[in-house]
Amino acid sequence: MAICKQCGGEMTDGISCLFDPIFIAGKAYTPVRFGQERGPRLRIEPEECRDCKTPLGGVHHPGCCVERCPACLGQALGCPCLAEPVCEYESTRASRCRAHVLRRVGWR
C-alpha cells in the first residue's frame, strides 16, 4: 500500500494527485502534469507514470522521481526550489519556527 501524504489516495490505483498550486518563494506555480514535461518524447507515451502511477495528464504524487519542479523544470525530487524553509525558531504558543507556521497556513 502506498498512500499519498498530500491527497490521501492509494497511488497504486492509478489516480492523480491534487491540482493545488505549489508555492515556491511566495509565488504560486501550476504543477507540471504527466506527459507535459519538457525533454525528449518517447515514441509511445505510457498510459501511467512508471513511478507514482498517475494517469496521463494527471499530477504526480509528491516524491515521484518523474515529477518536475514547476519553477526550474528540473527533477522535483531533491530540487532546492522545493526544499524546506530554513528553521528559525521563535518562541510562540505553537512552539514552531516562524517559517513552518507560515507554511502551515499557506503563507510561505
PDB file of N, CA and C in Angstrom:
ATOM      1  N   MET A   1       0.826  -1.177   0.000  1.00  0.00           N
ATOM      2  CA  MET A   1       0.000   0.000   0.000  1.00  0.00           C
ATOM      3  C   MET A   1       0.875   1.248   0.000  1.00  0.00           C
ATOM      4  N   ALA A   2       0.559   2.174  -0.877  1.00  0.00           N
ATOM      5  CA  ALA A   2       1.304   3.434  -0.947  1.00  0.00           C
ATOM      6  C   ALA A   2       0.299   4.584  -0.906  1.00  0.00           C
ATOM      7  N   ILE A   3       0.121   5.163   0.278  1.00  0.00           N
ATOM      8  CA  ILE A   3      -0.826   6.249   0.463  1.00  0.00           C
ATOM      9  C   ILE A   3      -0.102   7.586   0.268  1.00  0.00           C
ATOM     10  N   CYS A   4      -0.668   8.450  -0.566  1.00  0.00           N
ATOM     11  CA  CYS A   4      -0.097   9.773  -0.809  1.00  0.00           C
ATOM     12  C   CYS A   4      -0.358  10.662   0.397  1.00  0.00           C
ATOM     13  N   LYS A   5       0.688  11.345   0.865  1.00  0.00           N
ATOM     14  CA  LYS A   5       0.550  12.237   2.023  1.00  0.00           C
ATOM     15  C   LYS A   5      -0.223  13.503   1.684  1.00  0.00           C
ATOM     16  N   GLN A   6      -0.269  13.875   0.412  1.00  0.00           N
ATOM     17  CA  GLN A   6      -0.935  15.116   0.030  1.00  0.00           C
ATOM     18  C   GLN A   6      -2.424  14.913  -0.247  1.00  0.00           C
ATOM     19  N   CYS A   7      -2.769  13.897  -1.032  1.00  0.00           N
ATOM     20  CA  CYS A   7      -4.178  13.720  -1.403  1.00  0.00           C
ATOM     21  C   CYS A   7      -4.873  12.621  -0.606  1.00  0.00           C
ATOM     22  N   GLY A   8      -4.094  11.746   0.043  1.00  0.00           N
ATOM     23  CA  GLY A   8      -4.676  10.671   0.836  1.00  0.00           C
ATOM     24  C   GLY A   8      -5.133   9.479   0.018  1.00  0.00           C
ATOM     25  N   GLY A   9      -4.874   9.495  -1.279  1.00  0.00           N
ATOM     26  CA  GLY A   9      -5.298   8.400  -2.155  1.00  0.00           C
ATOM     27  C   GLY A   9      -4.261   7.294  -2.243  1.00  0.00           C
ATOM     28  N   GLU A  10      -4.708   6.140  -2.692  1.00  0.00           N
ATOM     29  CA  GLU A  10      -3.836   4.990  -2.913  1.00  0.00           C
ATOM     30  C   GLU A  10      -3.155   5.164  -4.266  1.00  0.00           C
ATOM     31  N   MET A  11      -1.827   5.353  -4.272  1.00  0.00           N
ATOM     32  CA  MET A  11      -1.097   5.656  -5.501  1.00  0.00           C
ATOM     33  C   MET A  11      -1.101   4.500  -6.493  1.00  0.00           C
ATOM     34  N   THR A  12      -1.171   3.274  -6.034  1.00  0.00           N
ATOM     35  CA  THR A  12      -1.136   2.138  -6.955  1.00  0.00           C
ATOM     36  C   THR A  12      -2.458   1.950  -7.696  1.00  0.00           C
ATOM     37  N   ASP A  13      -3.484   2.741  -7.345  1.00  0.00           N
ATOM     38  CA  ASP A  13      -4.774   2.662  -8.040  1.00  0.00           C
ATOM     39  C   ASP A  13      -4.785   3.470  -9.328  1.00  0.00           C
ATOM     40  N   GLY A  14      -3.709   4.193  -9.611  1.00  0.00           N
ATOM     41  CA  GLY A  14      -3.635   4.975 -10.848  1.00  0.00           C
ATOM     42  C   GLY A  14      -4.463   6.241 -10.801  1.00  0.00           C
ATOM     43  N   ILE A  15      -4.417   6.949  -9.674  1.00  0.00           N
ATOM     44  CA  ILE A  15      -5.170   8.199  -9.545  1.00  0.00           C
ATOM     45  C   ILE A  15      -4.214   9.390  -9.581  1.00  0.00           C
ATOM     46  N   SER A  16      -4.730  10.536  -9.982  1.00  0.00           N
ATOM     47  CA  SER A  16      -3.942  11.766  -9.996  1.00  0.00           C
ATOM     48  C   SER A  16      -3.931  12.380  -8.609  1.00  0.00           C
ATOM     49  N   CYS A  17      -2.884  13.128  -8.315  1.00  0.00           N
ATOM     50  CA  CYS A  17      -2.817  13.859  -7.057  1.00  0.00           C
ATOM     51  C   CYS A  17      -3.616  15.146  -7.207  1.00  0.00           C
ATOM     52  N   LEU A  18      -3.630  15.964  -6.163  1.00  0.00           N
ATOM     53  CA  LEU A  18      -4.377  17.215  -6.173  1.00  0.00           C
ATOM     54  C   LEU A  18      -3.795  18.207  -7.173  1.00  0.00           C
ATOM     55  N   PHE A  19      -4.649  19.058  -7.717  1.00  0.00           N
ATOM     56  CA  PHE A  19      -4.230  20.063  -8.690  1.00  0.00           C
ATOM     57  C   PHE A  19      -3.928  21.396  -8.014  1.00  0.00           C
ATOM     58  N   ASP A  20      -3.742  21.390  -6.693  1.00  0.00           N
ATOM     59  CA  ASP A  20      -3.460  22.612  -5.945  1.00  0.00           C
ATOM     60  C   ASP A  20      -2.158  23.240  -6.422  1.00  0.00           C
ATOM     61  N   PRO A  21      -2.079  24.585  -6.405  1.00  0.00           N
ATOM     62  CA  PRO A  21      -0.823  25.228  -6.809  1.00  0.00           C
ATOM     63  C   PRO A  21       0.298  24.918  -5.817  1.00  0.00           C
ATOM     64  N   ILE A  22       1.527  24.979  -6.312  1.00  0.00           N
ATOM     65  CA  ILE A  22       2.713  24.748  -5.497  1.00  0.00           C
ATOM     66  C   ILE A  22       3.343  26.113  -5.242  1.00  0.00           C
ATOM     67  N   PHE A  23       3.556  26.447  -3.972  1.00  0.00           N
ATOM     68  CA  PHE A  23       4.122  27.746  -3.610  1.00  0.00           C
ATOM     69  C   PHE A  23       5.632  27.617  -3.429  1.00  0.00           C
ATOM     70  N   ILE A  24       6.381  28.391  -4.219  1.00  0.00           N
ATOM     71  CA  ILE A  24       7.836  28.411  -4.150  1.00  0.00           C
ATOM     72  C   ILE A  24       8.254  29.872  -4.035  1.00  0.00           C
ATOM     73  N   ALA A  25       8.923  30.191  -2.937  1.00  0.00           N
ATOM     74  CA  ALA A  25       9.389  31.558  -2.658  1.00  0.00           C
ATOM     75  C   ALA A  25       8.252  32.577  -2.758  1.00  0.00           C
ATOM     76  N   GLY A  26       7.084  32.201  -2.252  1.00  0.00           N
ATOM     77  CA  GLY A  26       5.945  33.109  -2.213  1.00  0.00           C
ATOM     78  C   GLY A  26       5.166  33.232  -3.510  1.00  0.00           C
ATOM     79  N   LYS A  27       5.540  32.494  -4.540  1.00  0.00           N
ATOM     80  CA  LYS A  27       4.863  32.567  -5.826  1.00  0.00           C
ATOM     81  C   LYS A  27       4.160  31.239  -6.109  1.00  0.00           C
ATOM     82  N   ALA A  28       2.933  31.316  -6.604  1.00  0.00           N
ATOM     83  CA  ALA A  28       2.149  30.108  -6.903  1.00  0.00           C
ATOM     84  C   ALA A  28       2.487  29.603  -8.306  1.00  0.00           C
ATOM     85  N   TYR A  29       2.744  28.305  -8.404  1.00  0.00           N
ATOM     86  CA  TYR A  29       3.033  27.656  -9.684  1.00  0.00           C
ATOM     87  C   TYR A  29       2.028  26.529  -9.910  1.00  0.00           C
ATOM     88  N   THR A  30       1.643  26.344 -11.159  1.00  0.00           N
ATOM     89  CA  THR A  30       0.785  25.228 -11.529  1.00  0.00           C
ATOM     90  C   THR A  30       1.653  23.978 -11.631  1.00  0.00           C
ATOM     91  N   PRO A  31       1.232  22.846 -11.041  1.00  0.00           N
ATOM     92  CA  PRO A  31       2.040  21.626 -11.140  1.00  0.00           C
ATOM     93  C   PRO A  31       2.194  21.176 -12.591  1.00  0.00           C
ATOM     94  N   VAL A  32       3.342  20.633 -12.916  1.00  0.00           N
ATOM     95  CA  VAL A  32       3.591  20.102 -14.253  1.00  0.00           C
ATOM     96  C   VAL A  32       2.900  18.742 -14.335  1.00  0.00           C
ATOM     97  N   ARG A  33       2.019  18.608 -15.296  1.00  0.00           N
ATOM     98  CA  ARG A  33       1.243  17.362 -15.439  1.00  0.00           C
ATOM     99  C   ARG A  33       2.054  16.289 -16.164  1.00  0.00           C
ATOM    100  N   PHE A  34       1.714  15.049 -15.881  1.00  0.00           N
ATOM    101  CA  PHE A  34       2.389  13.922 -16.520  1.00  0.00           C
ATOM    102  C   PHE A  34       2.099  13.940 -18.024  1.00  0.00           C
ATOM    103  N   GLY A  35       3.151  13.921 -18.816  1.00  0.00           N
ATOM    104  CA  GLY A  35       3.043  13.971 -20.267  1.00  0.00           C
ATOM    105  C   GLY A  35       3.322  15.355 -20.822  1.00  0.00           C
ATOM    106  N   GLN A  36       3.383  16.376 -19.948  1.00  0.00           N
ATOM    107  CA  GLN A  36       3.648  17.734 -20.394  1.00  0.00           C
ATOM    108  C   GLN A  36       5.039  18.212 -19.978  1.00  0.00           C
ATOM    109  N   GLU A  37       5.886  17.305 -19.527  1.00  0.00           N
ATOM    110  CA  GLU A  37       7.243  17.650 -19.128  1.00  0.00           C
ATOM    111  C   GLU A  37       8.064  17.990 -20.368  1.00  0.00           C
ATOM    112  N   ARG A  38       9.027  18.885 -20.190  1.00  0.00           N
ATOM    113  CA  ARG A  38       9.949  19.180 -21.287  1.00  0.00           C
ATOM    114  C   ARG A  38      10.928  18.030 -21.424  1.00  0.00           C
ATOM    115  N   GLY A  39      11.505  17.921 -22.591  1.00  0.00           N
ATOM    116  CA  GLY A  39      12.520  16.895 -22.795  1.00  0.00           C
ATOM    117  C   GLY A  39      12.164  15.994 -23.951  1.00  0.00           C
ATOM    118  N   PRO A  40      13.013  15.016 -24.220  1.00  0.00           N
ATOM    119  CA  PRO A  40      12.752  14.118 -25.338  1.00  0.00           C
ATOM    120  C   PRO A  40      11.484  13.309 -25.099  1.00  0.00           C
ATOM    121  N   ARG A  41      10.697  13.180 -26.119  1.00  0.00           N
ATOM    122  CA  ARG A  41       9.454  12.420 -26.033  1.00  0.00           C
ATOM    123  C   ARG A  41       9.697  10.965 -26.419  1.00  0.00           C
ATOM    124  N   LEU A  42       8.979  10.110 -25.740  1.00  0.00           N
ATOM    125  CA  LEU A  42       9.020   8.703 -26.109  1.00  0.00           C
ATOM    126  C   LEU A  42       8.162   8.511 -27.347  1.00  0.00           C
ATOM    127  N   ARG A  43       8.463   7.503 -28.115  1.00  0.00           N
ATOM    128  CA  ARG A  43       7.644   7.253 -29.300  1.00  0.00           C
ATOM    129  C   ARG A  43       6.222   6.882 -28.900  1.00  0.00           C
ATOM    130  N   ILE A  44       6.115   6.135 -27.850  1.00  0.00           N
ATOM    131  CA  ILE A  44       4.796   5.744 -27.350  1.00  0.00           C
ATOM    132  C   ILE A  44       4.691   6.246 -25.917  1.00  0.00           C
ATOM    133  N   GLU A  45       3.746   7.154 -25.673  1.00  0.00           N
ATOM    134  CA  GLU A  45       3.547   7.665 -24.315  1.00  0.00           C
ATOM    135  C   GLU A  45       2.882   6.578 -23.481  1.00  0.00           C
ATOM    136  N   PRO A  46       3.422   6.294 -22.314  1.00  0.00           N
ATOM    137  CA  PRO A  46       2.766   5.314 -21.447  1.00  0.00           C
ATOM    138  C   PRO A  46       1.454   5.875 -20.913  1.00  0.00           C
ATOM    139  N   GLU A  47       0.550   5.000 -20.543  1.00  0.00           N
ATOM    140  CA  GLU A  47      -0.754   5.412 -20.022  1.00  0.00           C
ATOM    141  C   GLU A  47      -0.662   5.953 -18.602  1.00  0.00           C
ATOM    142  N   GLU A  48       0.375   5.538 -17.858  1.00  0.00           N
ATOM    143  CA  GLU A  48       0.533   5.990 -16.476  1.00  0.00           C
ATOM    144  C   GLU A  48       2.012   6.161 -16.152  1.00  0.00           C
ATOM    145  N   CYS A  49       2.287   6.976 -15.145  1.00  0.00           N
ATOM    146  CA  CYS A  49       3.660   7.221 -14.712  1.00  0.00           C
ATOM    147  C   CYS A  49       4.274   5.923 -14.190  1.00  0.00           C
ATOM    148  N   ARG A  50       5.509   5.686 -14.529  1.00  0.00           N
ATOM    149  CA  ARG A  50       6.169   4.443 -14.109  1.00  0.00           C
ATOM    150  C   ARG A  50       6.450   4.401 -12.615  1.00  0.00           C
ATOM    151  N   ASP A  51       6.464   5.568 -11.946  1.00  0.00           N
ATOM    152  CA  ASP A  51       6.791   5.606 -10.531  1.00  0.00           C
ATOM    153  C   ASP A  51       5.555   5.728  -9.644  1.00  0.00           C
ATOM    154  N   CYS A  52       4.736   6.782  -9.862  1.00  0.00           N
ATOM    155  CA  CYS A  52       3.599   7.023  -8.960  1.00  0.00           C
ATOM    156  C   CYS A  52       2.267   6.575  -9.548  1.00  0.00           C
ATOM    157  N   LYS A  53       2.269   6.061 -10.764  1.00  0.00           N
ATOM    158  CA  LYS A  53       1.087   5.514 -11.425  1.00  0.00           C
ATOM    159  C   LYS A  53      -0.007   6.524 -11.744  1.00  0.00           C
ATOM    160  N   THR A  54       0.313   7.830 -11.742  1.00  0.00           N
ATOM    161  CA  THR A  54      -0.702   8.818 -12.104  1.00  0.00           C
ATOM    162  C   THR A  54      -1.002   8.689 -13.596  1.00  0.00           C
ATOM    163  N   PRO A  55      -2.257   8.876 -13.996  1.00  0.00           N
ATOM    164  CA  PRO A  55      -2.592   8.735 -15.418  1.00  0.00           C
ATOM    165  C   PRO A  55      -2.057   9.899 -16.255  1.00  0.00           C
ATOM    166  N   LEU A  56      -2.013   9.720 -17.544  1.00  0.00           N
ATOM    167  CA  LEU A  56      -1.562  10.741 -18.479  1.00  0.00           C
ATOM    168  C   LEU A  56      -2.419  11.999 -18.300  1.00  0.00           C
ATOM    169  N   GLY A  57      -1.780  13.160 -18.103  1.00  0.00           N
ATOM    170  CA  GLY A  57      -2.482  14.410 -17.883  1.00  0.00           C
ATOM    171  C   GLY A  57      -2.745  14.717 -16.423  1.00  0.00           C
ATOM    172  N   GLY A  58      -2.449  13.767 -15.532  1.00  0.00           N
ATOM    173  CA  GLY A  58      -2.649  13.965 -14.102  1.00  0.00           C
ATOM    174  C   GLY A  58      -1.426  14.582 -13.447  1.00  0.00           C
ATOM    175  N   VAL A  59      -1.563  14.897 -12.166  1.00  0.00           N
ATOM    176  CA  VAL A  59      -0.470  15.494 -11.398  1.00  0.00           C
ATOM    177  C   VAL A  59       0.242  14.398 -10.618  1.00  0.00           C
ATOM    178  N   HIS A  60       1.579  14.420 -10.677  1.00  0.00           N
ATOM    179  CA  HIS A  60       2.375  13.434  -9.946  1.00  0.00           C
ATOM    180  C   HIS A  60       2.177  13.579  -8.441  1.00  0.00           C
ATOM    181  N   HIS A  61       2.350  12.472  -7.733  1.00  0.00           N
ATOM    182  CA  HIS A  61       2.312  12.491  -6.276  1.00  0.00           C
ATOM    183  C   HIS A  61       3.672  12.952  -5.755  1.00  0.00           C
ATOM    184  N   PRO A  62       3.718  13.671  -4.608  1.00  0.00           N
ATOM    185  CA  PRO A  62       4.998  14.130  -4.066  1.00  0.00           C
ATOM    186  C   PRO A  62       5.968  12.968  -3.839  1.00  0.00           C
ATOM    187  N   GLY A  63       7.210  13.179  -4.217  1.00  0.00           N
ATOM    188  CA  GLY A  63       8.233  12.149  -4.072  1.00  0.00           C
ATOM    189  C   GLY A  63       8.418  11.294  -5.305  1.00  0.00           C
ATOM    190  N   CYS A  64       7.639  11.530  -6.344  1.00  0.00           N
ATOM    191  CA  CYS A  64       7.765  10.773  -7.594  1.00  0.00           C
ATOM    192  C   CYS A  64       9.057  11.188  -8.291  1.00  0.00           C
ATOM    193  N   CYS A  65       9.806  10.218  -8.806  1.00  0.00           N
ATOM    194  CA  CYS A  65      11.087  10.539  -9.455  1.00  0.00           C
ATOM    195  C   CYS A  65      10.900  11.140 -10.846  1.00  0.00           C
ATOM    196  N   VAL A  66       9.706  11.083 -11.409  1.00  0.00           N
ATOM    197  CA  VAL A  66       9.438  11.649 -12.728  1.00  0.00           C
ATOM    198  C   VAL A  66       8.920  13.082 -12.613  1.00  0.00           C
ATOM    199  N   GLU A  67       8.403  13.475 -11.451  1.00  0.00           N
ATOM    200  CA  GLU A  67       7.821  14.799 -11.233  1.00  0.00           C
ATOM    201  C   GLU A  67       8.853  15.897 -11.500  1.00  0.00           C
ATOM    202  N   ARG A  68       8.407  17.000 -12.092  1.00  0.00           N
ATOM    203  CA  ARG A  68       9.257  18.146 -12.406  1.00  0.00           C
ATOM    204  C   ARG A  68       8.904  19.332 -11.517  1.00  0.00           C
ATOM    205  N   CYS A  69       9.924  20.104 -11.151  1.00  0.00           N
ATOM    206  CA  CYS A  69       9.727  21.338 -10.381  1.00  0.00           C
ATOM    207  C   CYS A  69       9.110  22.373 -11.318  1.00  0.00           C
ATOM    208  N   PRO A  70       7.989  22.986 -10.943  1.00  0.00           N
ATOM    209  CA  PRO A  70       7.379  23.968 -11.839  1.00  0.00           C
ATOM    210  C   PRO A  70       8.176  25.272 -11.964  1.00  0.00           C
ATOM    211  N   ALA A  71       9.095  25.533 -11.049  1.00  0.00           N
ATOM    212  CA  ALA A  71       9.875  26.774 -11.102  1.00  0.00           C
ATOM    213  C   ALA A  71      11.063  26.648 -12.051  1.00  0.00           C
ATOM    214  N   CYS A  72      11.850  25.577 -11.912  1.00  0.00           N
ATOM    215  CA  CYS A  72      13.074  25.450 -12.727  1.00  0.00           C
ATOM    216  C   CYS A  72      12.985  24.339 -13.771  1.00  0.00           C
ATOM    217  N   LEU A  73      11.926  23.542 -13.720  1.00  0.00           N
ATOM    218  CA  LEU A  73      11.665  22.420 -14.627  1.00  0.00           C
ATOM    219  C   LEU A  73      12.678  21.287 -14.498  1.00  0.00           C
ATOM    220  N   GLY A  74      13.454  21.296 -13.425  1.00  0.00           N
ATOM    221  CA  GLY A  74      14.345  20.177 -13.129  1.00  0.00           C
ATOM    222  C   GLY A  74      13.580  19.093 -12.382  1.00  0.00           C
ATOM    223  N   GLN A  75      14.258  18.029 -12.026  1.00  0.00           N
ATOM    224  CA  GLN A  75      13.628  16.959 -11.279  1.00  0.00           C
ATOM    225  C   GLN A  75      13.215  17.487  -9.897  1.00  0.00           C
ATOM    226  N   ALA A  76      11.962  17.305  -9.538  1.00  0.00           N
ATOM    227  CA  ALA A  76      11.441  17.849  -8.279  1.00  0.00           C
ATOM    228  C   ALA A  76      12.029  17.143  -7.064  1.00  0.00           C
ATOM    229  N   LEU A  77      12.317  15.874  -7.196  1.00  0.00           N
ATOM    230  CA  LEU A  77      12.874  15.105  -6.089  1.00  0.00           C
ATOM    231  C   LEU A  77      14.273  15.619  -5.780  1.00  0.00           C
ATOM    232  N   GLY A  78      14.437  16.280  -4.651  1.00  0.00           N
ATOM    233  CA  GLY A  78      15.723  16.843  -4.251  1.00  0.00           C
ATOM    234  C   GLY A  78      16.005  18.219  -4.816  1.00  0.00           C
ATOM    235  N   CYS A  79      15.023  18.853  -5.447  1.00  0.00           N
ATOM    236  CA  CYS A  79      15.226  20.180  -6.028  1.00  0.00           C
ATOM    237  C   CYS A  79      15.359  21.218  -4.921  1.00  0.00           C
ATOM    238  N   PRO A  80      16.347  22.104  -4.998  1.00  0.00           N
ATOM    239  CA  PRO A  80      16.495  23.138  -3.955  1.00  0.00           C
ATOM    240  C   PRO A  80      15.329  24.127  -3.931  1.00  0.00           C
ATOM    241  N   CYS A  81      14.599  24.280  -5.039  1.00  0.00           N
ATOM    242  CA  CYS A  81      13.435  25.179  -5.051  1.00  0.00           C
ATOM    243  C   CYS A  81      12.360  24.703  -4.082  1.00  0.00           C
ATOM    244  N   LEU A  82      12.221  23.390  -3.947  1.00  0.00           N
ATOM    245  CA  LEU A  82      11.163  22.803  -3.123  1.00  0.00           C
ATOM    246  C   LEU A  82      11.636  22.417  -1.734  1.00  0.00           C
ATOM    247  N   ALA A  83      12.840  22.855  -1.366  1.00  0.00           N
ATOM    248  CA  ALA A  83      13.399  22.482  -0.064  1.00  0.00           C
ATOM    249  C   ALA A  83      12.611  23.135   1.070  1.00  0.00           C
ATOM    250  N   GLU A  84      12.683  22.522   2.228  1.00  0.00           N
ATOM    251  CA  GLU A  84      12.041  23.065   3.422  1.00  0.00           C
ATOM    252  C   GLU A  84      12.656  24.421   3.759  1.00  0.00           C
ATOM    253  N   PRO A  85      11.862  25.340   4.296  1.00  0.00           N
ATOM    254  CA  PRO A  85      12.425  26.629   4.683  1.00  0.00           C
ATOM    255  C   PRO A  85      13.419  26.479   5.823  1.00  0.00           C
ATOM    256  N   VAL A  86      14.346  27.428   5.907  1.00  0.00           N
ATOM    257  CA  VAL A  86      15.329  27.413   6.988  1.00  0.00           C
ATOM    258  C   VAL A  86      14.582  27.616   8.298  1.00  0.00           C
ATOM    259  N   CYS A  87      14.861  26.764   9.247  1.00  0.00           N
ATOM    260  CA  CYS A  87      14.131  26.783  10.510  1.00  0.00           C
ATOM    261  C   CYS A  87      14.745  27.814  11.450  1.00  0.00           C
ATOM    262  N   GLU A  88      14.016  28.880  11.704  1.00  0.00           N
ATOM    263  CA  GLU A  88      14.438  29.906  12.650  1.00  0.00           C
ATOM    264  C   GLU A  88      13.432  29.897  13.785  1.00  0.00           C
ATOM    265  N   TYR A  89      13.776  29.251  14.862  1.00  0.00           N
ATOM    266  CA  TYR A  89      12.843  29.049  15.968  1.00  0.00           C
ATOM    267  C   TYR A  89      12.489  30.355  16.658  1.00  0.00           C
ATOM    268  N   GLU A  90      11.191  30.551  16.842  1.00  0.00           N
ATOM    269  CA  GLU A  90      10.685  31.678  17.623  1.00  0.00           C
ATOM    270  C   GLU A  90       9.801  31.098  18.717  1.00  0.00           C
ATOM    271  N   SER A  91       9.888  31.629  19.875  1.00  0.00           N
ATOM    272  CA  SER A  91       9.067  31.143  20.969  1.00  0.00           C
ATOM    273  C   SER A  91       7.628  31.626  20.757  1.00  0.00           C
ATOM    274  N   THR A  92       6.784  30.720  20.327  1.00  0.00           N
ATOM    275  CA  THR A  92       5.376  31.032  20.108  1.00  0.00           C
ATOM    276  C   THR A  92       4.523  30.038  20.869  1.00  0.00           C
ATOM    277  N   ARG A  93       3.226  30.291  20.880  1.00  0.00           N
ATOM    278  CA  ARG A  93       2.332  29.351  21.552  1.00  0.00           C
ATOM    279  C   ARG A  93       2.367  27.985  20.872  1.00  0.00           C
ATOM    280  N   ALA A  94       2.577  27.967  19.571  1.00  0.00           N
ATOM    281  CA  ALA A  94       2.601  26.709  18.832  1.00  0.00           C
ATOM    282  C   ALA A  94       3.940  25.993  18.964  1.00  0.00           C
ATOM    283  N   SER A  95       4.943  26.653  19.522  1.00  0.00           N
ATOM    284  CA  SER A  95       6.297  26.090  19.674  1.00  0.00           C
ATOM    285  C   SER A  95       6.851  25.577  18.357  1.00  0.00           C
ATOM    286  N   ARG A  96       6.684  26.359  17.300  1.00  0.00           N
ATOM    287  CA  ARG A  96       7.240  26.023  15.991  1.00  0.00           C
ATOM    288  C   ARG A  96       8.022  27.223  15.496  1.00  0.00           C
ATOM    289  N   CYS A  97       8.870  26.990  14.530  1.00  0.00           N
ATOM    290  CA  CYS A  97       9.586  28.120  13.954  1.00  0.00           C
ATOM    291  C   CYS A  97       8.628  28.918  13.072  1.00  0.00           C
ATOM    292  N   ARG A  98       8.933  30.168  12.852  1.00  0.00           N
ATOM    293  CA  ARG A  98       8.054  31.058  12.092  1.00  0.00           C
ATOM    294  C   ARG A  98       7.858  30.561  10.658  1.00  0.00           C
ATOM    295  N   ALA A  99       8.897  30.059  10.016  1.00  0.00           N
ATOM    296  CA  ALA A  99       8.785  29.583   8.642  1.00  0.00           C
ATOM    297  C   ALA A  99       7.798  28.433   8.538  1.00  0.00           C
ATOM    298  N   HIS A 100       7.817  27.505   9.483  1.00  0.00           N
ATOM    299  CA  HIS A 100       6.905  26.371   9.432  1.00  0.00           C
ATOM    300  C   HIS A 100       5.478  26.767   9.785  1.00  0.00           C
ATOM    301  N   VAL A 101       5.301  27.726  10.672  1.00  0.00           N
ATOM    302  CA  VAL A 101       3.952  28.201  10.999  1.00  0.00           C
ATOM    303  C   VAL A 101       3.344  28.869   9.772  1.00  0.00           C
ATOM    304  N   LEU A 102       4.099  29.731   9.085  1.00  0.00           N
ATOM    305  CA  LEU A 102       3.585  30.394   7.898  1.00  0.00           C
ATOM    306  C   LEU A 102       3.295  29.409   6.779  1.00  0.00           C
ATOM    307  N   ARG A 103       4.135  28.395   6.632  1.00  0.00           N
ATOM    308  CA  ARG A 103       3.919  27.400   5.589  1.00  0.00           C
ATOM    309  C   ARG A 103       2.663  26.601   5.873  1.00  0.00           C
ATOM    310  N   ARG A 104       2.426  26.304   7.151  1.00  0.00           N
ATOM    311  CA  ARG A 104       1.273  25.509   7.532  1.00  0.00           C
ATOM    312  C   ARG A 104      -0.035  26.210   7.169  1.00  0.00           C
ATOM    313  N   VAL A 105      -0.081  27.527   7.260  1.00  0.00           N
ATOM    314  CA  VAL A 105      -1.293  28.259   6.925  1.00  0.00           C
ATOM    315  C   VAL A 105      -1.288  28.735   5.462  1.00  0.00           C
ATOM    316  N   GLY A 106      -0.285  28.367   4.696  1.00  0.00           N
ATOM    317  CA  GLY A 106      -0.238  28.679   3.279  1.00  0.00           C
ATOM    318  C   GLY A 106       0.348  30.037   2.932  1.00  0.00           C
ATOM    319  N   TRP A 107       1.120  30.610   3.827  1.00  0.00           N
ATOM    320  CA  TRP A 107       1.720  31.926   3.576  1.00  0.00           C
ATOM    321  C   TRP A 107       3.181  31.836   3.228  1.00  0.00           C
ATOM    322  N   ARG A 108       3.657  30.735   2.804  1.00  0.00           N
ATOM    323  CA  ARG A 108       5.076  30.533   2.508  1.00  0.00           C
ATOM    324  C   ARG A 108       5.557  31.387   1.395  1.00  0.00           C
TER     325      ARG A 108
END
